[in-house]
Amino acid sequence: MTAALGGLDAIAFTGGVGEHSARLRAAVCARLGWLGVVLDAGSNESSDEVISASGATVGACVIESREDLTMATQARSLLRS
């Protein structure tokens, strides 16, 4: 898919494992180094929103998924109809 897209702008980690496992994020990004993904180890361990190293050509982010908010919004919509 990366070849079809002509490269990557960013990679986003979300959901339970993506949000809470610095070890998983580091392992994934280590295998994507050839694409320009480089992590800042300190930011990754802290689960900062931006975890890519300064100067990395591909950004890496941790995004809170908030499935609970999505479900509550959908439930409210159903209850109103």
Foldseek 3Di string as FASTA:
>chain_A
DCVVVVAAQEAEFEDDCSQPPLPVVVVVQVVVVVRQFAFDSVCSVVSPQWGGDPPGNYTYGYDYDPVVVVVVVVVVVVVVD
